[in-house]
C-alpha cells in the first residue's frame, strides 16, 4: 500500500459501528465488534465507553489507549449478509439384506 490513509472524521452509528471518512474522502461504516477482544479492548464492550472514541494520530482511539491502525480500518470490508447456499439432504439408500 503506497497510500497511507488517515481518519479525518468519525461518527457513531449505533452499537459498535462508527462511520469514518478517510483523508482521500472515501467513507465507510465499520463494525468494531469483531476487534473487541483482549484486555485493552475489554472496556470498549461497555456501550457508553465505546462512544467515548476520538481521533488521534489519524485513527479512532479511546481514553484507555486502545486503537485500530488506520490501514486496517481502510481495508475493512463489511461481511455480506448472504444466506448460506442450501444443500439438499443426502439420499439414503435402503439397506437390503
PDB file of N, CA and C in Angstrom:
ATOM      1  N   UNK A   1       0.854  -1.171   0.000  1.00  0.00           N
ATOM      2  CA  UNK A   1       0.000   0.000   0.000  1.00  0.00           C
ATOM      3  C   UNK A   1       0.902   1.236   0.000  1.00  0.00           C
ATOM      4  N   UNK A   2       0.805   2.055  -1.030  1.00  0.00           N
ATOM      5  CA  UNK A   2       1.612   3.263  -1.081  1.00  0.00           C
ATOM      6  C   UNK A   2       0.897   4.434  -0.424  1.00  0.00           C
ATOM      7  N   UNK A   3      -0.408   4.418  -0.436  1.00  0.00           N
ATOM      8  CA  UNK A   3      -1.208   5.447   0.213  1.00  0.00           C
ATOM      9  C   UNK A   3      -1.340   5.122   1.692  1.00  0.00           C
ATOM     10  N   UNK A   4      -0.990   6.052   2.549  1.00  0.00           N
ATOM     11  CA  UNK A   4      -1.157   5.854   3.992  1.00  0.00           C
ATOM     12  C   UNK A   4      -2.398   6.615   4.436  1.00  0.00           C
ATOM     13  N   UNK A   5      -3.489   5.899   4.644  1.00  0.00           N
ATOM     14  CA  UNK A   5      -4.743   6.570   4.994  1.00  0.00           C
ATOM     15  C   UNK A   5      -4.721   7.103   6.418  1.00  0.00           C
ATOM     16  N   UNK A   6      -5.517   8.109   6.630  1.00  0.00           N
ATOM     17  CA  UNK A   6      -5.764   8.566   7.991  1.00  0.00           C
ATOM     18  C   UNK A   6      -7.238   8.924   8.095  1.00  0.00           C
ATOM     19  N   UNK A   7      -7.784   8.729   9.271  1.00  0.00           N
ATOM     20  CA  UNK A   7      -9.190   9.037   9.518  1.00  0.00           C
ATOM     21  C   UNK A   7      -9.282  10.530   9.832  1.00  0.00           C
ATOM     22  N   UNK A   8     -10.145  11.222   9.113  1.00  0.00           N
ATOM     23  CA  UNK A   8     -10.288  12.666   9.338  1.00  0.00           C
ATOM     24  C   UNK A   8     -11.625  13.024   9.993  1.00  0.00           C
ATOM     25  N   UNK A   9     -12.552  12.041  10.027  1.00  0.00           N
ATOM     26  CA  UNK A   9     -13.856  12.271  10.664  1.00  0.00           C
ATOM     27  C   UNK A   9     -14.423  10.937  11.103  1.00  0.00           C
ATOM     28  N   UNK A  10     -15.122  10.939  12.224  1.00  0.00           N
ATOM     29  CA  UNK A  10     -15.736   9.711  12.721  1.00  0.00           C
ATOM     30  C   UNK A  10     -17.028  10.051  13.448  1.00  0.00           C
ATOM     31  N   UNK A  11     -18.046   9.228  13.217  1.00  0.00           N
ATOM     32  CA  UNK A  11     -19.366   9.457  13.811  1.00  0.00           C
ATOM     33  C   UNK A  11     -19.966   8.126  14.224  1.00  0.00           C
ATOM     34  N   UNK A  12     -20.469   8.060  15.440  1.00  0.00           N
ATOM     35  CA  UNK A  12     -21.084   6.837  15.951  1.00  0.00           C
ATOM     36  C   UNK A  12     -22.370   6.564  15.186  1.00  0.00           C
ATOM     37  N   UNK A  13     -22.575   5.305  14.810  1.00  0.00           N
ATOM     38  CA  UNK A  13     -23.777   4.905  14.085  1.00  0.00           C
ATOM     39  C   UNK A  13     -24.601   3.896  14.868  1.00  0.00           C
ATOM     40  N   UNK A  14     -24.336   3.778  16.157  1.00  0.00           N
ATOM     41  CA  UNK A  14     -25.101   2.852  16.985  1.00  0.00           C
ATOM     42  C   UNK A  14     -24.375   1.533  17.145  1.00  0.00           C
ATOM     43  N   UNK A  15     -24.627   0.894  18.263  1.00  0.00           N
ATOM     44  CA  UNK A  15     -23.937  -0.358  18.548  1.00  0.00           C
ATOM     45  C   UNK A  15     -22.441  -0.113  18.586  1.00  0.00           C
ATOM     46  N   UNK A  16     -21.699  -0.966  17.917  1.00  0.00           N
ATOM     47  CA  UNK A  16     -20.246  -0.815  17.844  1.00  0.00           C
ATOM     48  C   UNK A  16     -19.819  -0.323  16.459  1.00  0.00           C
ATOM     49  N   UNK A  17     -20.715   0.376  15.773  1.00  0.00           N
ATOM     50  CA  UNK A  17     -20.431   0.868  14.424  1.00  0.00           C
ATOM     51  C   UNK A  17     -20.056   2.339  14.440  1.00  0.00           C
ATOM     52  N   UNK A  18     -19.013   2.650  13.679  1.00  0.00           N
ATOM     53  CA  UNK A  18     -18.552   4.029  13.525  1.00  0.00           C
ATOM     54  C   UNK A  18     -18.400   4.302  12.035  1.00  0.00           C
ATOM     55  N   UNK A  19     -18.974   5.405  11.584  1.00  0.00           N
ATOM     56  CA  UNK A  19     -18.819   5.828  10.191  1.00  0.00           C
ATOM     57  C   UNK A  19     -17.583   6.715  10.131  1.00  0.00           C
ATOM     58  N   UNK A  20     -16.622   6.339   9.283  1.00  0.00           N
ATOM     59  CA  UNK A  20     -15.376   7.095   9.194  1.00  0.00           C
ATOM     60  C   UNK A  20     -15.191   7.666   7.797  1.00  0.00           C
ATOM     61  N   UNK A  21     -14.511   8.813   7.745  1.00  0.00           N
ATOM     62  CA  UNK A  21     -14.089   9.421   6.496  1.00  0.00           C
ATOM     63  C   UNK A  21     -12.574   9.468   6.521  1.00  0.00           C
ATOM     64  N   UNK A  22     -11.965   9.027   5.412  1.00  0.00           N
ATOM     65  CA  UNK A  22     -10.515   8.989   5.316  1.00  0.00           C
ATOM     66  C   UNK A  22      -9.982  10.215   4.572  1.00  0.00           C
ATOM     67  N   UNK A  23      -8.675  10.368   4.624  1.00  0.00           N
ATOM     68  CA  UNK A  23      -8.023  11.532   4.021  1.00  0.00           C
ATOM     69  C   UNK A  23      -8.191  11.595   2.502  1.00  0.00           C
ATOM     70  N   UNK A  24      -8.581  10.500   1.861  1.00  0.00           N
ATOM     71  CA  UNK A  24      -8.859  10.539   0.420  1.00  0.00           C
ATOM     72  C   UNK A  24     -10.352  10.754   0.158  1.00  0.00           C
ATOM     73  N   UNK A  25     -11.098  11.117   1.200  1.00  0.00           N
ATOM     74  CA  UNK A  25     -12.543  11.379   1.170  1.00  0.00           C
ATOM     75  C   UNK A  25     -13.391  10.128   0.971  1.00  0.00           C
ATOM     76  N   UNK A  26     -12.802   8.933   1.025  1.00  0.00           N
ATOM     77  CA  UNK A  26     -13.623   7.722   0.999  1.00  0.00           C
ATOM     78  C   UNK A  26     -14.258   7.563   2.374  1.00  0.00           C
ATOM     79  N   UNK A  27     -15.400   6.913   2.402  1.00  0.00           N
ATOM     80  CA  UNK A  27     -16.153   6.741   3.643  1.00  0.00           C
ATOM     81  C   UNK A  27     -16.623   5.306   3.756  1.00  0.00           C
ATOM     82  N   UNK A  28     -16.785   4.857   5.004  1.00  0.00           N
ATOM     83  CA  UNK A  28     -17.379   3.545   5.251  1.00  0.00           C
ATOM     84  C   UNK A  28     -17.832   3.465   6.697  1.00  0.00           C
ATOM     85  N   UNK A  29     -18.804   2.615   6.932  1.00  0.00           N
ATOM     86  CA  UNK A  29     -19.254   2.341   8.287  1.00  0.00           C
ATOM     87  C   UNK A  29     -18.605   1.023   8.705  1.00  0.00           C
ATOM     88  N   UNK A  30     -17.933   1.058   9.847  1.00  0.00           N
ATOM     89  CA  UNK A  30     -17.159  -0.077  10.315  1.00  0.00           C
ATOM     90  C   UNK A  30     -17.758  -0.614  11.600  1.00  0.00           C
ATOM     91  N   UNK A  31     -17.960  -1.924  11.639  1.00  0.00           N
ATOM     92  CA  UNK A  31     -18.416  -2.603  12.851  1.00  0.00           C
ATOM     93  C   UNK A  31     -17.173  -3.047  13.615  1.00  0.00           C
ATOM     94  N   UNK A  32     -16.917  -2.433  14.758  1.00  0.00           N
ATOM     95  CA  UNK A  32     -15.732  -2.723  15.560  1.00  0.00           C
ATOM     96  C   UNK A  32     -15.899  -3.954  16.446  1.00  0.00           C
ATOM     97  N   UNK A  33     -17.096  -4.510  16.523  1.00  0.00           N
ATOM     98  CA  UNK A  33     -17.354  -5.641  17.425  1.00  0.00           C
ATOM     99  C   UNK A  33     -16.354  -6.786  17.275  1.00  0.00           C
ATOM    100  N   UNK A  34     -15.970  -7.186  16.061  1.00  0.00           N
ATOM    101  CA  UNK A  34     -15.027  -8.304  15.955  1.00  0.00           C
ATOM    102  C   UNK A  34     -13.654  -8.020  16.572  1.00  0.00           C
ATOM    103  N   UNK A  35     -13.303  -6.768  16.766  1.00  0.00           N
ATOM    104  CA  UNK A  35     -11.999  -6.406  17.320  1.00  0.00           C
ATOM    105  C   UNK A  35     -12.012  -6.248  18.840  1.00  0.00           C
ATOM    106  N   UNK A  36     -13.171  -6.346  19.465  1.00  0.00           N
ATOM    107  CA  UNK A  36     -13.266  -6.102  20.905  1.00  0.00           C
ATOM    108  C   UNK A  36     -12.889  -7.342  21.700  1.00  0.00           C
ATOM    109  N   UNK A  37     -11.669  -7.762  21.524  1.00  0.00           N
ATOM    110  CA  UNK A  37     -11.170  -8.952  22.198  1.00  0.00           C
ATOM    111  C   UNK A  37      -9.810  -8.625  22.805  1.00  0.00           C
ATOM    112  N   UNK A  38      -9.572  -9.069  23.987  1.00  0.00           N
ATOM    113  CA  UNK A  38      -8.301  -8.803  24.653  1.00  0.00           C
ATOM    114  C   UNK A  38      -8.441  -7.726  25.704  1.00  0.00           C
ATOM    115  N   UNK A  39      -7.473  -7.648  26.626  1.00  0.00           N
ATOM    116  CA  UNK A  39      -7.572  -6.745  27.777  1.00  0.00           C
ATOM    117  C   UNK A  39      -7.735  -5.266  27.424  1.00  0.00           C
ATOM    118  N   UNK A  40      -7.020  -4.775  26.426  1.00  0.00           N
ATOM    119  CA  UNK A  40      -7.109  -3.342  26.122  1.00  0.00           C
ATOM    120  C   UNK A  40      -8.474  -2.970  25.534  1.00  0.00           C
ATOM    121  N   UNK A  41      -9.136  -3.942  24.895  1.00  0.00           N
ATOM    122  CA  UNK A  41     -10.436  -3.666  24.280  1.00  0.00           C
ATOM    123  C   UNK A  41     -11.618  -3.990  25.195  1.00  0.00           C
ATOM    124  N   UNK A  42     -11.372  -4.647  26.316  1.00  0.00           N
ATOM    125  CA  UNK A  42     -12.447  -5.045  27.234  1.00  0.00           C
ATOM    126  C   UNK A  42     -13.330  -3.862  27.653  1.00  0.00           C
ATOM    127  N   UNK A  43     -12.766  -2.698  28.042  1.00  0.00           N
ATOM    128  CA  UNK A  43     -13.621  -1.571  28.444  1.00  0.00           C
ATOM    129  C   UNK A  43     -14.548  -1.084  27.328  1.00  0.00           C
ATOM    130  N   UNK A  44     -14.149  -1.289  26.056  1.00  0.00           N
ATOM    131  CA  UNK A  44     -14.942  -0.811  24.932  1.00  0.00           C
ATOM    132  C   UNK A  44     -16.234  -1.593  24.750  1.00  0.00           C
ATOM    133  N   UNK A  45     -16.338  -2.743  25.395  1.00  0.00           N
ATOM    134  CA  UNK A  45     -17.567  -3.531  25.303  1.00  0.00           C
ATOM    135  C   UNK A  45     -18.735  -2.837  25.991  1.00  0.00           C
ATOM    136  N   UNK A  46     -18.436  -1.912  26.907  1.00  0.00           N
ATOM    137  CA  UNK A  46     -19.491  -1.108  27.538  1.00  0.00           C
ATOM    138  C   UNK A  46     -19.870  -0.008  26.543  1.00  0.00           C
ATOM    139  N   UNK A  47     -21.113  -0.002  26.075  1.00  0.00           N
ATOM    140  CA  UNK A  47     -21.516   0.965  25.041  1.00  0.00           C
ATOM    141  C   UNK A  47     -21.173   2.418  25.366  1.00  0.00           C
ATOM    142  N   UNK A  48     -21.363   2.835  26.618  1.00  0.00           N
ATOM    143  CA  UNK A  48     -21.045   4.230  26.969  1.00  0.00           C
ATOM    144  C   UNK A  48     -19.565   4.528  26.811  1.00  0.00           C
ATOM    145  N   UNK A  49     -18.713   3.568  27.130  1.00  0.00           N
ATOM    146  CA  UNK A  49     -17.273   3.770  26.969  1.00  0.00           C
ATOM    147  C   UNK A  49     -16.895   3.735  25.490  1.00  0.00           C
ATOM    148  N   UNK A  50     -17.492   2.834  24.739  1.00  0.00           N
ATOM    149  CA  UNK A  50     -17.200   2.744  23.304  1.00  0.00           C
ATOM    150  C   UNK A  50     -17.450   4.085  22.614  1.00  0.00           C
ATOM    151  N   UNK A  51     -18.533   4.755  23.002  1.00  0.00           N
ATOM    152  CA  UNK A  51     -18.897   6.036  22.378  1.00  0.00           C
ATOM    153  C   UNK A  51     -17.961   7.181  22.753  1.00  0.00           C
ATOM    154  N   UNK A  52     -16.999   6.940  23.626  1.00  0.00           N
ATOM    155  CA  UNK A  52     -16.050   7.993  24.018  1.00  0.00           C
ATOM    156  C   UNK A  52     -14.855   8.078  23.074  1.00  0.00           C
ATOM    157  N   UNK A  53     -14.952   7.465  21.897  1.00  0.00           N
ATOM    158  CA  UNK A  53     -13.842   7.488  20.950  1.00  0.00           C
ATOM    159  C   UNK A  53     -13.532   8.912  20.497  1.00  0.00           C
ATOM    160  N   UNK A  54     -12.338   9.091  19.994  1.00  0.00           N
ATOM    161  CA  UNK A  54     -11.891  10.367  19.444  1.00  0.00           C
ATOM    162  C   UNK A  54     -10.844  10.062  18.384  1.00  0.00           C
ATOM    163  N   UNK A  55     -10.462  11.067  17.615  1.00  0.00           N
ATOM    164  CA  UNK A  55      -9.424  10.883  16.602  1.00  0.00           C
ATOM    165  C   UNK A  55      -8.073  11.244  17.206  1.00  0.00           C
ATOM    166  N   UNK A  56      -7.103  10.367  16.955  1.00  0.00           N
ATOM    167  CA  UNK A  56      -5.755  10.586  17.460  1.00  0.00           C
ATOM    168  C   UNK A  56      -4.771   9.910  16.508  1.00  0.00           C
ATOM    169  N   UNK A  57      -3.809  10.642  16.018  1.00  0.00           N
ATOM    170  CA  UNK A  57      -2.811  10.052  15.132  1.00  0.00           C
ATOM    171  C   UNK A  57      -3.396   9.498  13.849  1.00  0.00           C
ATOM    172  N   UNK A  58      -4.486  10.066  13.387  1.00  0.00           N
ATOM    173  CA  UNK A  58      -5.091   9.627  12.134  1.00  0.00           C
ATOM    174  C   UNK A  58      -5.946   8.383  12.237  1.00  0.00           C
ATOM    175  N   UNK A  59      -6.348   8.025  13.454  1.00  0.00           N
ATOM    176  CA  UNK A  59      -7.222   6.868  13.608  1.00  0.00           C
ATOM    177  C   UNK A  59      -8.202   7.089  14.751  1.00  0.00           C
ATOM    178  N   UNK A  60      -9.079   6.121  14.951  1.00  0.00           N
ATOM    179  CA  UNK A  60     -10.048   6.151  16.039  1.00  0.00           C
ATOM    180  C   UNK A  60      -9.365   5.572  17.278  1.00  0.00           C
ATOM    181  N   UNK A  61      -9.478   6.277  18.396  1.00  0.00           N
ATOM    182  CA  UNK A  61      -8.829   5.846  19.642  1.00  0.00           C
ATOM    183  C   UNK A  61      -9.775   6.050  20.818  1.00  0.00           C
ATOM    184  N   UNK A  62      -9.414   5.452  21.948  1.00  0.00           N
ATOM    185  CA  UNK A  62     -10.213   5.559  23.170  1.00  0.00           C
ATOM    186  C   UNK A  62      -9.316   6.012  24.320  1.00  0.00           C
ATOM    187  N   UNK A  63      -9.918   6.530  25.389  1.00  0.00           N
ATOM    188  CA  UNK A  63      -9.131   7.068  26.511  1.00  0.00           C
ATOM    189  C   UNK A  63      -8.149   6.085  27.150  1.00  0.00           C
ATOM    190  N   UNK A  64      -8.404   4.786  27.049  1.00  0.00           N
ATOM    191  CA  UNK A  64      -7.502   3.813  27.675  1.00  0.00           C
ATOM    192  C   UNK A  64      -6.316   3.452  26.781  1.00  0.00           C
ATOM    193  N   UNK A  65      -6.200   4.091  25.621  1.00  0.00           N
ATOM    194  CA  UNK A  65      -5.095   3.826  24.711  1.00  0.00           C
ATOM    195  C   UNK A  65      -5.415   2.835  23.602  1.00  0.00           C
ATOM    196  N   UNK A  66      -6.601   2.262  23.606  1.00  0.00           N
ATOM    197  CA  UNK A  66      -6.993   1.328  22.547  1.00  0.00           C
ATOM    198  C   UNK A  66      -7.160   2.081  21.235  1.00  0.00           C
ATOM    199  N   UNK A  67      -6.731   1.460  20.155  1.00  0.00           N
ATOM    200  CA  UNK A  67      -6.969   1.996  18.819  1.00  0.00           C
ATOM    201  C   UNK A  67      -6.810   0.872  17.802  1.00  0.00           C
ATOM    202  N   UNK A  68      -7.220   1.163  16.595  1.00  0.00           N
ATOM    203  CA  UNK A  68      -7.063   0.228  15.473  1.00  0.00           C
ATOM    204  C   UNK A  68      -6.291   1.000  14.404  1.00  0.00           C
ATOM    205  N   UNK A  69      -5.269   0.382  13.839  1.00  0.00           N
ATOM    206  CA  UNK A  69      -4.454   1.048  12.819  1.00  0.00           C
ATOM    207  C   UNK A  69      -5.329   1.572  11.686  1.00  0.00           C
ATOM    208  N   UNK A  70      -5.053   2.779  11.197  1.00  0.00           N
ATOM    209  CA  UNK A  70      -5.882   3.337  10.128  1.00  0.00           C
ATOM    210  C   UNK A  70      -5.848   2.494   8.852  1.00  0.00           C
ATOM    211  N   UNK A  71      -4.729   1.803   8.585  1.00  0.00           N
ATOM    212  CA  UNK A  71      -4.674   0.944   7.397  1.00  0.00           C
ATOM    213  C   UNK A  71      -5.661  -0.212   7.525  1.00  0.00           C
ATOM    214  N   UNK A  72      -5.800  -0.730   8.747  1.00  0.00           N
ATOM    215  CA  UNK A  72      -6.746  -1.814   8.999  1.00  0.00           C
ATOM    216  C   UNK A  72      -8.174  -1.334   8.765  1.00  0.00           C
ATOM    217  N   UNK A  73      -8.477  -0.135   9.242  1.00  0.00           N
ATOM    218  CA  UNK A  73      -9.812   0.425   9.033  1.00  0.00           C
ATOM    219  C   UNK A  73     -10.070   0.670   7.550  1.00  0.00           C
ATOM    220  N   UNK A  74      -9.067   1.157   6.852  1.00  0.00           N
ATOM    221  CA  UNK A  74      -9.203   1.469   5.424  1.00  0.00           C
ATOM    222  C   UNK A  74      -9.483   0.200   4.619  1.00  0.00           C
ATOM    223  N   UNK A  75      -8.862  -0.901   5.006  1.00  0.00           N
ATOM    224  CA  UNK A  75      -9.018  -2.159   4.275  1.00  0.00           C
ATOM    225  C   UNK A  75     -10.222  -2.977   4.734  1.00  0.00           C
ATOM    226  N   UNK A  76     -10.948  -2.503   5.738  1.00  0.00           N
ATOM    227  CA  UNK A  76     -12.103  -3.218   6.282  1.00  0.00           C
ATOM    228  C   UNK A  76     -13.172  -3.407   5.203  1.00  0.00           C
ATOM    229  N   UNK A  77     -13.704  -4.623   5.154  1.00  0.00           N
ATOM    230  CA  UNK A  77     -14.835  -4.930   4.282  1.00  0.00           C
ATOM    231  C   UNK A  77     -15.926  -5.524   5.145  1.00  0.00           C
ATOM    232  N   UNK A  78     -17.081  -4.923   5.096  1.00  0.00           N
ATOM    233  CA  UNK A  78     -18.211  -5.427   5.887  1.00  0.00           C
ATOM    234  C   UNK A  78     -18.592  -6.813   5.407  1.00  0.00           C
ATOM    235  N   UNK A  79     -18.920  -7.693   6.352  1.00  0.00           N
ATOM    236  CA  UNK A  79     -19.373  -9.027   5.928  1.00  0.00           C
ATOM    237  C   UNK A  79     -20.680  -8.912   5.166  1.00  0.00           C
ATOM    238  N   UNK A  80     -20.805  -9.735   4.180  1.00  0.00           N
ATOM    239  CA  UNK A  80     -22.042  -9.724   3.379  1.00  0.00           C
ATOM    240  C   UNK A  80     -23.086 -10.576   4.079  1.00  0.00           C
ATOM    241  N   UNK A  81     -24.316 -10.116   4.020  1.00  0.00           N
ATOM    242  CA  UNK A  81     -25.420 -10.844   4.651  1.00  0.00           C
ATOM    243  C   UNK A  81     -26.098 -11.755   3.632  1.00  0.00           C
ATOM    244  N   UNK A  82     -25.307 -12.640   3.076  1.00  0.00           N
ATOM    245  CA  UNK A  82     -25.872 -13.582   2.120  1.00  0.00           C
ATOM    246  C   UNK A  82     -26.178 -14.887   2.841  1.00  0.00           C
ATOM    247  N   UNK A  83     -27.322 -15.461   2.551  1.00  0.00           N
ATOM    248  CA  UNK A  83     -27.607 -16.759   3.177  1.00  0.00           C
ATOM    249  C   UNK A  83     -26.665 -17.819   2.620  1.00  0.00           C
ATOM    250  N   UNK A  84     -26.355 -18.776   3.449  1.00  0.00           N
ATOM    251  CA  UNK A  84     -25.530 -19.898   3.007  1.00  0.00           C
ATOM    252  C   UNK A  84     -26.301 -20.676   1.953  1.00  0.00           C
ATOM    253  N   UNK A  85     -25.612 -21.161   0.923  1.00  0.00           N
ATOM    254  CA  UNK A  85     -26.328 -21.969  -0.074  1.00  0.00           C
ATOM    255  C   UNK A  85     -26.867 -23.238   0.575  1.00  0.00           C
ATOM    256  N   UNK A  86     -28.053 -23.573   0.207  1.00  0.00           N
ATOM    257  CA  UNK A  86     -28.681 -24.765   0.780  1.00  0.00           C
ATOM    258  C   UNK A  86     -28.287 -25.984  -0.030  1.00  0.00           C
ATOM    259  N   UNK A  87     -27.891 -26.981   0.670  1.00  0.00           N
ATOM    260  CA  UNK A  87     -27.589 -28.242   0.002  1.00  0.00           C
ATOM    261  C   UNK A  87     -28.698 -29.217   0.345  1.00  0.00           C
ATOM    262  N   UNK A  88     -29.149 -29.948  -0.652  1.00  0.00           N
ATOM    263  CA  UNK A  88     -30.231 -30.900  -0.356  1.00  0.00           C
ATOM    264  C   UNK A  88     -29.715 -31.996   0.558  1.00  0.00           C
ATOM    265  N   UNK A  89     -30.601 -32.539   1.387  1.00  0.00           N
ATOM    266  CA  UNK A  89     -30.167 -33.611   2.277  1.00  0.00           C
ATOM    267  C   UNK A  89     -29.717 -34.829   1.446  1.00  0.00           C
ATOM    268  N   UNK A  90     -28.741 -35.524   1.985  1.00  0.00           N
ATOM    269  CA  UNK A  90     -28.242 -36.717   1.297  1.00  0.00           C
ATOM    270  C   UNK A  90     -29.336 -37.760   1.239  1.00  0.00           C
ATOM    271  N   UNK A  91     -29.394 -38.453   0.126  1.00  0.00           N
ATOM    272  CA  UNK A  91     -30.389 -39.521  -0.023  1.00  0.00           C
ATOM    273  C   UNK A  91     -29.890 -40.758   0.693  1.00  0.00           C
ATOM    274  N   UNK A  92     -30.804 -41.369   1.324  1.00  0.00           N
ATOM    275  CA  UNK A  92     -30.453 -42.624   1.995  1.00  0.00           C
ATOM    276  C   UNK A  92     -30.922 -43.772   1.118  1.00  0.00           C
ATOM    277  N   UNK A  93     -30.024 -44.655   0.892  1.00  0.00           N
ATOM    278  CA  UNK A  93     -30.367 -45.849   0.126  1.00  0.00           C
ATOM    279  C   UNK A  93     -30.731 -46.943   1.125  1.00  0.00           C
ATOM    280  N   UNK A  94     -31.900 -47.497   0.980  1.00  0.00           N
ATOM    281  CA  UNK A  94     -32.276 -48.559   1.933  1.00  0.00           C
ATOM    282  C   UNK A  94     -31.314 -49.745   1.836  1.00  0.00           C
ATOM    283  N   UNK A  95     -30.979 -50.267   2.988  1.00  0.00           N
ATOM    284  CA  UNK A  95     -30.097 -51.417   3.042  1.00  0.00           C
ATOM    285  C   UNK A  95     -30.966 -52.665   2.968  1.00  0.00           C
ATOM    286  N   UNK A  96     -30.644 -53.509   2.039  1.00  0.00           N
ATOM    287  CA  UNK A  96     -31.426 -54.745   1.878  1.00  0.00           C
ATOM    288  C   UNK A  96     -30.566 -55.918   2.292  1.00  0.00           C
ATOM    289  N   UNK A  97     -31.086 -56.710   3.006  1.00  0.00           N
ATOM    290  CA  UNK A  97     -30.245 -57.789   3.352  1.00  0.00           C
ATOM    291  C   UNK A  97     -30.886 -58.945   3.882  1.00  0.00           C
TER     292      UNK A  97
END
